[in-house]
Amino acid sequence: MINKTQPPSPGLPHAVFLRRVAEEPATSPDVRLGQGAFLALRFVDLLSPDREPPTPDVFRYQWAATERYCAELAGEGTEASHLSGLVRATGEAHASNDVSLIAPGLFAYALYLEHESHLEEAEDVLLTMIAVGDRRLRLPDMISAWLRLGRVRRMQTDFDRALAAYAEAGRIAAGIGDRQSVLLSRVGRCNVIHFRGNLAEAEAAWRELLAEASAEGFRTVQAQAEHGLGNILGRRGHPQQGVPHLWRSYELYEDESGRLRALSDLGLLLLAIGQVADAEQALNEVVRRESVADNLSNAKIELMNCASYRRDRVTFERWREKALDHSTDIPANIRADYHFKAGIGFARFENYTRSEHELRRALEIATTHDLHEFVFRIEPLIGRLRECAEVEATFPEPTDTTQELREVSASLAALGG
């Protein structure tokens, strides 16, 4: 079941966790946690169906050694807790001959790594769950693993293998009559189409999925389809049409994470149509309630941008200082966006020397990490800063609002109240 979606694994299994050694000082907590993860996952591998079962003595020795190392990590935060729990669950799974006991710990650890932007590591953990679990896991757990694997691969722009993972999730779900999970696999496919840039096909796919989910009453899928459709309409140059879809997705989501992602995207579309006050209302709500580092940083960066647009220097500086203070491992696209919009802000306040410094820093990050859209936007500004910065960064004048937009504005005001 795995070969068609997982390439051969060269070298040492779980070696991705040992890369931290090359990136950090040997004594840093991150390196020690990486080594702990490597040991914990090698311990989980003892349960794999394609290897000779270890003798009791060998299993007890590796259990004791791994548990001792992870115990030394106590106090190093959330990741250390995940590793200790994973070692404990593996021991219990071996003792009870029930491999399904490892699924919750592996899945939770993968989610943690994804939220910390350790995407290759998250992929490794999910593949471990699939490979070790094989046909012994509960099928709903297997479906969840494949769905999450698709998402992690899509976030790495590994689109073909993301589609393969989503297809596998849909195949398993169809086999047990799990219609909602079949539709969720199509959510993943729609996202891949979207991020590959085929916007017309993505819009059609989202509309088809939304119609089916609405007719069949799957609220979770409806929320994601409304969210996807709102974003794709914004990217296709129809932000006014996208705004109501994003607000409906906010209302439909039952989990806080989904609601805040929808609210953050809503803020961006409101900026695109010049509704700055409404956008700030949405983004401030994200900052008040969000705990996921990336979404929190993005909201603060946009609030910094709004403040400079309004020529509010004090608020601009406040958000500039706070924008990246909740994340220790900030993705390159967010760092580039931060320096880009800080540069725009300084230009608005006529501090052109500082503006050029920030823009060059943004360009350096974008060039290093192949963020071509940022490079395309930044390069024309440097050298013609006084003429171009204002044109590039000014939000459009608000246009006449529709009844739907007025309703969204009123709802946001009530939310803030």
Protein backbone atom coordinates (compact mmCIF):
# COMPACT_ATOMS: atom_id res chain seq x y z
CA MET A 1 0.00 0.00 0.00
CA ILE A 2 2.94 2.33 0.63
CA ASN A 3 5.23 1.85 -2.36
CA LYS A 4 3.12 3.81 -4.81
CA THR A 5 3.13 6.96 -2.65
CA GLN A 6 6.42 6.71 -0.78
CA PRO A 7 9.77 6.87 -2.58
CA PRO A 8 12.59 4.60 -1.48
CA SER A 9 14.14 5.86 1.75
CA PRO A 10 17.86 6.30 1.19
CA GLY A 11 20.19 6.05 4.15
CA LEU A 12 19.28 5.80 7.79
CA PRO A 13 15.58 5.75 8.74
CA HIS A 14 14.45 8.97 10.47
CA ALA A 15 17.76 10.67 9.64
CA VAL A 16 15.79 13.87 8.93
CA PHE A 17 15.73 14.47 12.69
CA LEU A 18 19.53 14.34 12.84
CA ARG A 19 19.82 17.29 10.45
CA ARG A 20 19.27 19.52 13.45
CA VAL A 21 22.82 18.61 14.50
CA ALA A 22 24.17 20.43 11.44
CA GLU A 23 21.95 23.46 12.00
CA GLU A 24 22.36 24.10 15.74
CA PRO A 25 25.11 23.92 18.39
CA ALA A 26 25.53 20.34 19.62
CA THR A 27 24.37 21.23 23.13
CA SER A 28 21.21 23.08 22.10
CA PRO A 29 17.83 21.70 23.24
CA ASP A 30 16.68 21.46 19.61
CA VAL A 31 19.54 19.11 18.74
CA ARG A 32 18.95 16.94 21.80
CA LEU A 33 15.24 16.79 20.99
CA GLY A 34 16.06 15.77 17.41
CA GLN A 35 18.26 12.97 18.70
CA GLY A 36 15.47 11.95 21.09
CA ALA A 37 12.99 11.84 18.21
CA PHE A 38 15.37 9.69 16.18
CA LEU A 39 15.71 7.20 19.06
CA ALA A 40 11.97 7.18 19.82
CA LEU A 41 11.03 6.47 16.20
CA ARG A 42 13.66 3.73 15.88
CA PHE A 43 12.02 2.22 18.96
CA VAL A 44 8.60 2.43 17.26
CA ASP A 45 10.11 0.65 14.24
CA LEU A 46 10.53 -2.47 16.37
CA LEU A 47 6.77 -2.98 15.92
CA SER A 48 6.99 -2.91 12.13
CA PRO A 49 5.33 -5.91 10.44
CA ASP A 50 8.11 -6.29 7.87
CA ARG A 51 10.89 -7.04 10.36
CA GLU A 52 11.69 -9.94 12.65
CA PRO A 53 10.07 -9.35 16.07
CA PRO A 54 12.74 -8.46 18.65
CA THR A 55 13.43 -10.84 21.50
CA PRO A 56 12.02 -9.73 24.87
CA ASP A 57 15.50 -8.84 26.12
CA VAL A 58 16.31 -6.72 23.09
CA PHE A 59 12.98 -4.91 23.31
CA ARG A 60 13.40 -4.22 27.06
CA TYR A 61 16.95 -2.94 26.54
CA GLN A 62 15.96 -0.53 23.75
CA TRP A 63 12.89 0.57 25.72
CA ALA A 64 14.96 1.35 28.81
CA ALA A 65 17.66 3.20 26.85
CA THR A 66 15.15 5.29 24.88
CA GLU A 67 13.05 6.04 27.94
CA ARG A 68 16.15 7.12 29.86
CA TYR A 69 17.23 9.51 27.11
CA CYS A 70 13.74 11.02 26.80
CA ALA A 71 13.54 11.41 30.60
CA GLU A 72 16.66 13.56 30.41
CA LEU A 73 14.74 15.88 28.08
CA ALA A 74 12.07 16.58 30.70
CA GLY A 75 11.55 20.31 30.98
CA GLU A 76 12.39 20.97 27.31
CA GLY A 77 8.77 21.72 26.47
CA THR A 78 6.01 20.23 24.36
CA GLU A 79 8.17 18.16 22.03
CA ALA A 80 9.81 16.34 24.95
CA SER A 81 6.35 15.44 26.26
CA HIS A 82 5.36 14.04 22.88
CA LEU A 83 8.46 11.85 22.77
CA SER A 84 7.99 10.49 26.28
CA GLY A 85 4.36 9.67 25.51
CA LEU A 86 5.35 7.97 22.27
CA VAL A 87 7.89 5.73 24.01
CA ARG A 88 5.35 4.80 26.65
CA ALA A 89 2.67 4.00 24.05
CA THR A 90 5.11 1.81 22.09
CA GLY A 91 5.88 -0.22 25.19
CA GLU A 92 2.17 -0.66 25.89
CA ALA A 93 1.48 -1.62 22.27
CA HIS A 94 4.15 -4.33 22.42
CA ALA A 95 2.91 -5.66 25.77
CA SER A 96 -0.72 -5.86 24.62
CA ASN A 97 0.06 -6.81 21.00
CA ASP A 98 -2.13 -3.87 19.92
CA VAL A 99 -0.28 -1.62 17.47
CA SER A 100 -3.22 0.78 17.28
CA LEU A 101 -2.09 2.20 20.63
CA ILE A 102 0.74 4.08 18.92
CA ALA A 103 -1.54 5.93 16.47
CA PRO A 104 -2.70 8.80 18.75
CA GLY A 105 0.85 9.62 19.87
CA LEU A 106 2.32 9.55 16.39
CA PHE A 107 -0.49 11.62 14.94
CA ALA A 108 -0.27 14.23 17.73
CA TYR A 109 3.51 14.48 17.30
CA ALA A 110 3.12 14.95 13.55
CA LEU A 111 0.62 17.76 14.13
CA TYR A 112 3.02 19.44 16.54
CA LEU A 113 5.87 19.25 14.02
CA GLU A 114 3.63 20.61 11.26
CA HIS A 115 2.59 23.57 13.41
CA GLU A 116 6.28 24.25 14.13
CA SER A 117 6.98 24.16 10.37
CA HIS A 118 9.14 20.99 10.61
CA LEU A 119 7.37 19.59 7.57
CA GLU A 120 9.87 16.92 6.51
CA GLU A 121 9.91 15.62 10.06
CA ALA A 122 6.11 15.59 10.21
CA GLU A 123 6.07 13.60 6.97
CA ASP A 124 8.51 11.08 8.44
CA VAL A 125 6.30 10.58 11.51
CA LEU A 126 3.15 10.08 9.43
CA LEU A 127 4.91 7.59 7.15
CA THR A 128 6.06 5.73 10.27
CA MET A 129 2.47 5.56 11.48
CA ILE A 130 1.33 4.19 8.12
CA ALA A 131 4.19 1.72 7.70
CA VAL A 132 4.22 0.35 11.24
CA GLY A 133 0.44 0.33 11.51
CA ASP A 134 0.00 -1.28 8.09
CA ARG A 135 -3.30 -3.22 8.10
CA ARG A 136 -3.40 -3.36 11.89
CA LEU A 137 -4.53 0.23 12.45
CA ARG A 138 -8.17 1.20 12.66
CA LEU A 139 -9.20 2.38 9.19
CA PRO A 140 -10.34 5.83 10.42
CA ASP A 141 -6.83 6.33 11.86
CA MET A 142 -5.28 5.25 8.56
CA ILE A 143 -7.52 7.66 6.63
CA SER A 144 -6.53 10.52 8.96
CA ALA A 145 -2.85 9.71 8.48
CA TRP A 146 -3.10 9.74 4.67
CA LEU A 147 -5.12 12.98 4.70
CA ARG A 148 -2.55 14.69 6.92
CA LEU A 149 0.30 13.32 4.84
CA GLY A 150 -1.29 14.89 1.77
CA ARG A 151 -1.49 18.24 3.55
CA VAL A 152 2.14 18.11 4.73
CA ARG A 153 3.34 17.22 1.22
CA ARG A 154 1.23 19.96 -0.30
CA MET A 155 2.78 22.47 2.13
CA GLN A 156 6.18 21.33 0.84
CA THR A 157 4.92 21.91 -2.74
CA ASP A 158 5.36 18.17 -3.36
CA PHE A 159 2.13 18.22 -5.32
CA ASP A 160 2.17 14.88 -7.15
CA ARG A 161 2.83 12.90 -3.99
CA ALA A 162 0.27 15.03 -2.11
CA LEU A 163 -2.37 14.02 -4.67
CA ALA A 164 -1.34 10.38 -4.28
CA ALA A 165 -1.79 10.59 -0.50
CA TYR A 166 -5.21 12.22 -0.83
CA ALA A 167 -6.26 9.60 -3.37
CA GLU A 168 -5.22 6.80 -0.99
CA ALA A 169 -7.26 8.37 1.80
CA GLY A 170 -10.27 8.59 -0.52
CA ARG A 171 -9.84 4.99 -1.65
CA ILE A 172 -9.81 3.65 1.91
CA ALA A 173 -12.75 5.87 2.90
CA ALA A 174 -14.83 4.74 -0.08
CA GLY A 175 -14.13 1.13 0.85
CA ILE A 176 -15.77 1.54 4.26
CA GLY A 177 -18.55 3.88 3.13
CA ASP A 178 -17.11 6.94 4.89
CA ARG A 179 -18.60 9.59 2.63
CA GLN A 180 -17.35 12.57 4.64
CA SER A 181 -13.74 11.40 4.41
CA VAL A 182 -14.16 10.84 0.67
CA LEU A 183 -15.19 14.49 0.38
CA LEU A 184 -12.31 15.57 2.64
CA SER A 185 -9.89 13.85 0.27
CA ARG A 186 -11.38 16.00 -2.48
CA VAL A 187 -10.79 19.10 -0.31
CA GLY A 188 -7.12 18.15 -0.42
CA ARG A 189 -7.22 17.73 -4.19
CA CYS A 190 -8.87 21.16 -4.58
CA ASN A 191 -6.12 22.72 -2.48
CA VAL A 192 -3.43 21.15 -4.65
CA ILE A 193 -5.09 22.47 -7.82
CA HIS A 194 -5.34 25.91 -6.18
CA PHE A 195 -1.68 26.06 -5.12
CA ARG A 196 -0.50 24.77 -8.47
CA GLY A 197 -2.03 27.92 -9.93
CA ASN A 198 -4.84 26.47 -12.03
CA LEU A 199 -7.33 28.96 -10.65
CA ALA A 200 -10.22 28.38 -13.05
CA GLU A 201 -10.16 24.62 -12.46
CA ALA A 202 -9.83 25.17 -8.71
CA GLU A 203 -12.88 27.46 -8.62
CA ALA A 204 -14.97 24.92 -10.52
CA ALA A 205 -13.78 22.11 -8.23
CA TRP A 206 -14.57 24.10 -5.07
CA ARG A 207 -18.06 24.99 -6.34
CA GLU A 208 -18.81 21.36 -7.19
CA LEU A 209 -17.58 20.19 -3.80
CA LEU A 210 -19.54 22.88 -1.96
CA ALA A 211 -22.75 21.89 -3.73
CA GLU A 212 -22.29 18.21 -2.82
CA ALA A 213 -21.31 18.89 0.79
CA SER A 214 -24.27 21.25 1.25
CA ALA A 215 -26.73 18.78 -0.27
CA GLU A 216 -25.43 15.94 1.93
CA GLY A 217 -25.18 18.04 5.09
CA PHE A 218 -21.45 17.67 5.83
CA ARG A 219 -20.79 20.88 7.74
CA THR A 220 -17.01 20.38 8.08
CA VAL A 221 -16.61 19.95 4.33
CA GLN A 222 -18.94 22.90 3.67
CA ALA A 223 -16.73 25.11 5.85
CA GLN A 224 -13.59 24.12 3.98
CA ALA A 225 -15.23 24.48 0.58
CA GLU A 226 -16.56 27.97 1.44
CA HIS A 227 -13.07 28.85 2.67
CA GLY A 228 -11.38 27.57 -0.47
CA LEU A 229 -13.90 29.24 -2.77
CA GLY A 230 -13.52 32.58 -0.98
CA ASN A 231 -9.75 32.48 -1.35
CA ILE A 232 -9.82 31.42 -4.99
CA LEU A 233 -12.24 34.23 -5.88
CA GLY A 234 -9.82 36.67 -4.24
CA ARG A 235 -6.92 35.29 -6.25
CA ARG A 236 -8.96 35.51 -9.45
CA GLY A 237 -9.57 39.22 -8.90
CA HIS A 238 -13.05 39.03 -7.36
CA PRO A 239 -12.43 39.81 -3.67
CA GLN A 240 -15.88 41.35 -3.14
CA GLN A 241 -17.44 38.01 -4.12
CA GLY A 242 -14.97 36.10 -1.97
CA VAL A 243 -15.62 37.99 1.28
CA PRO A 244 -19.10 36.52 2.01
CA HIS A 245 -17.80 32.99 1.37
CA LEU A 246 -15.01 33.48 3.91
CA TRP A 247 -17.45 34.81 6.48
CA ARG A 248 -19.73 31.81 5.92
CA SER A 249 -16.75 29.50 6.39
CA TYR A 250 -15.99 31.26 9.69
CA GLU A 251 -19.56 30.60 10.81
CA LEU A 252 -19.50 26.96 9.67
CA TYR A 253 -16.19 25.90 11.20
CA GLU A 254 -16.61 24.16 14.53
CA ASP A 255 -12.91 24.20 15.48
CA GLU A 256 -11.13 27.33 16.60
CA SER A 257 -8.16 26.76 14.28
CA GLY A 258 -10.35 26.73 11.18
CA ARG A 259 -12.33 29.76 12.33
CA LEU A 260 -9.20 31.83 12.87
CA ARG A 261 -7.65 30.84 9.54
CA ALA A 262 -10.87 31.94 7.84
CA LEU A 263 -10.86 35.20 9.78
CA SER A 264 -7.25 35.88 8.83
CA ASP A 265 -7.96 35.30 5.14
CA LEU A 266 -11.09 37.45 5.44
CA GLY A 267 -8.91 40.29 6.73
CA LEU A 268 -6.68 40.03 3.65
CA LEU A 269 -9.62 40.16 1.24
CA LEU A 270 -11.10 43.15 3.07
CA LEU A 271 -7.77 44.94 2.61
CA ALA A 272 -7.89 44.08 -1.09
CA ILE A 273 -11.15 46.01 -1.46
CA GLY A 274 -10.05 48.94 0.72
CA GLN A 275 -12.14 48.07 3.78
CA VAL A 276 -9.24 48.77 6.14
CA ALA A 277 -11.25 49.29 9.35
CA ASP A 278 -13.13 46.02 8.85
CA ALA A 279 -9.87 44.23 8.03
CA GLU A 280 -8.29 45.51 11.24
CA GLN A 281 -11.33 44.31 13.17
CA ALA A 282 -10.89 40.79 11.77
CA LEU A 283 -7.10 40.74 12.22
CA ASN A 284 -7.23 42.05 15.78
CA GLU A 285 -9.63 39.24 16.61
CA VAL A 286 -7.12 36.74 15.19
CA VAL A 287 -4.34 38.20 17.35
CA ARG A 288 -6.57 38.09 20.43
CA ARG A 289 -7.47 34.41 20.01
CA GLU A 290 -4.73 32.75 17.94
CA SER A 291 -2.00 30.46 19.30
CA VAL A 292 -0.60 29.04 16.03
CA ALA A 293 2.62 30.96 15.39
CA ASP A 294 2.39 31.37 11.59
CA ASN A 295 -1.18 32.66 11.53
CA LEU A 296 -0.46 34.95 14.48
CA SER A 297 2.62 36.42 12.77
CA ASN A 298 0.74 36.97 9.50
CA ALA A 299 -2.06 38.82 11.30
CA LYS A 300 0.42 41.09 13.10
CA ILE A 301 2.29 41.83 9.87
CA GLU A 302 -0.96 42.89 8.18
CA LEU A 303 -1.90 45.05 11.18
CA MET A 304 1.54 46.69 10.88
CA ASN A 305 0.76 47.31 7.22
CA CYS A 306 -2.64 48.82 8.06
CA ALA A 307 -1.10 51.13 10.65
CA SER A 308 1.47 52.50 8.21
CA TYR A 309 -1.27 52.99 5.62
CA ARG A 310 -3.16 55.13 8.17
CA ARG A 311 0.15 56.98 8.96
CA ASP A 312 -0.11 55.85 12.58
CA ARG A 313 3.61 55.67 13.44
CA VAL A 314 3.14 54.56 17.05
CA THR A 315 0.92 51.60 16.16
CA PHE A 316 3.17 50.72 13.22
CA GLU A 317 6.20 50.48 15.52
CA ARG A 318 4.24 48.48 18.08
CA TRP A 319 3.22 45.83 15.54
CA ARG A 320 6.66 45.88 13.91
CA GLU A 321 8.27 44.95 17.23
CA LYS A 322 5.69 42.27 18.00
CA ALA A 323 5.16 40.70 14.59
CA LEU A 324 7.65 37.85 14.87
CA ASP A 325 7.98 37.47 18.63
CA HIS A 326 5.88 34.28 18.96
CA SER A 327 7.91 32.03 16.66
CA THR A 328 11.45 30.71 16.92
CA ASP A 329 11.44 28.98 13.53
CA ILE A 330 9.80 31.42 11.16
CA PRO A 331 9.18 30.26 7.56
CA ALA A 332 11.03 32.19 4.90
CA ASN A 333 7.87 33.48 3.21
CA ILE A 334 6.70 35.09 6.46
CA ARG A 335 10.12 36.65 7.14
CA ALA A 336 10.22 38.04 3.59
CA ASP A 337 6.70 39.44 3.93
CA TYR A 338 7.58 41.06 7.25
CA HIS A 339 10.64 42.88 5.90
CA PHE A 340 8.78 43.79 2.70
CA LYS A 341 5.89 45.44 4.56
CA ALA A 342 8.20 47.01 7.12
CA GLY A 343 10.07 48.55 4.18
CA ILE A 344 6.82 49.84 2.71
CA GLY A 345 5.90 51.28 6.11
CA PHE A 346 9.17 53.17 6.52
CA ALA A 347 8.73 54.58 3.01
CA ARG A 348 5.29 55.86 3.97
CA PHE A 349 6.92 57.66 6.89
CA GLU A 350 9.60 58.99 4.47
CA ASN A 351 12.45 57.12 6.15
CA TYR A 352 13.85 55.94 2.83
CA THR A 353 17.22 54.74 4.14
CA ARG A 354 15.58 52.34 6.58
CA SER A 355 13.00 51.40 3.96
CA GLU A 356 15.71 50.38 1.48
CA HIS A 357 17.47 48.34 4.18
CA GLU A 358 14.27 46.40 4.94
CA LEU A 359 13.46 45.85 1.27
CA ARG A 360 16.96 44.55 0.55
CA ARG A 361 16.65 42.17 3.48
CA ALA A 362 13.31 40.95 2.07
CA LEU A 363 14.89 40.52 -1.35
CA GLU A 364 17.79 38.54 0.11
CA ILE A 365 15.42 36.11 1.86
CA ALA A 366 13.19 35.80 -1.21
CA THR A 367 16.13 35.13 -3.54
CA THR A 368 17.71 32.58 -1.21
CA HIS A 369 14.47 30.63 -0.86
CA ASP A 370 13.19 30.95 -4.47
CA LEU A 371 10.20 33.06 -3.46
CA HIS A 372 9.78 34.40 -6.98
CA GLU A 373 6.59 36.39 -6.39
CA PHE A 374 8.31 38.41 -3.66
CA VAL A 375 11.35 38.99 -5.88
CA PHE A 376 9.07 40.24 -8.66
CA ARG A 377 7.34 42.69 -6.27
CA ILE A 378 10.44 43.95 -4.44
CA GLU A 379 12.97 44.53 -7.21
CA PRO A 380 11.09 47.40 -8.94
CA LEU A 381 10.88 49.30 -5.64
CA ILE A 382 14.58 49.37 -4.85
CA GLY A 383 16.19 52.28 -6.65
CA ARG A 384 12.86 53.99 -7.36
CA LEU A 385 11.67 53.94 -3.79
CA ARG A 386 10.26 57.44 -3.48
CA GLU A 387 8.12 57.01 -6.58
CA CYS A 388 7.00 53.40 -6.28
CA ALA A 389 6.54 52.49 -2.65
CA GLU A 390 3.30 54.36 -2.25
CA VAL A 391 1.84 53.06 -5.51
CA GLU A 392 2.77 49.45 -4.67
CA ALA A 393 1.46 49.42 -1.15
CA THR A 394 -1.58 51.67 -1.01
CA PHE A 395 -4.86 49.86 -0.60
CA PRO A 396 -7.59 50.66 -3.12
CA GLU A 397 -10.25 53.19 -2.29
CA PRO A 398 -13.35 51.51 -0.87
CA THR A 399 -16.01 50.94 -3.50
CA ASP A 400 -19.75 50.89 -3.03
CA THR A 401 -20.49 47.96 -0.76
CA THR A 402 -23.08 45.31 -1.41
CA GLN A 403 -25.66 44.20 1.13
CA GLU A 404 -23.60 41.07 1.78
CA LEU A 405 -20.50 43.15 2.52
CA ARG A 406 -22.46 45.40 4.88
CA GLU A 407 -23.69 42.32 6.71
CA VAL A 408 -20.14 41.01 7.09
CA SER A 409 -19.02 44.42 8.39
CA ALA A 410 -21.82 44.44 10.97
CA SER A 411 -20.99 40.90 12.02
CA LEU A 412 -17.33 41.79 12.52
CA ALA A 413 -18.30 44.79 14.62
CA ALA A 414 -20.49 42.55 16.77
CA LEU A 415 -17.64 40.04 17.05
CA GLY A 416 -15.31 42.71 18.36
CA GLY A 417 -17.91 43.94 20.81
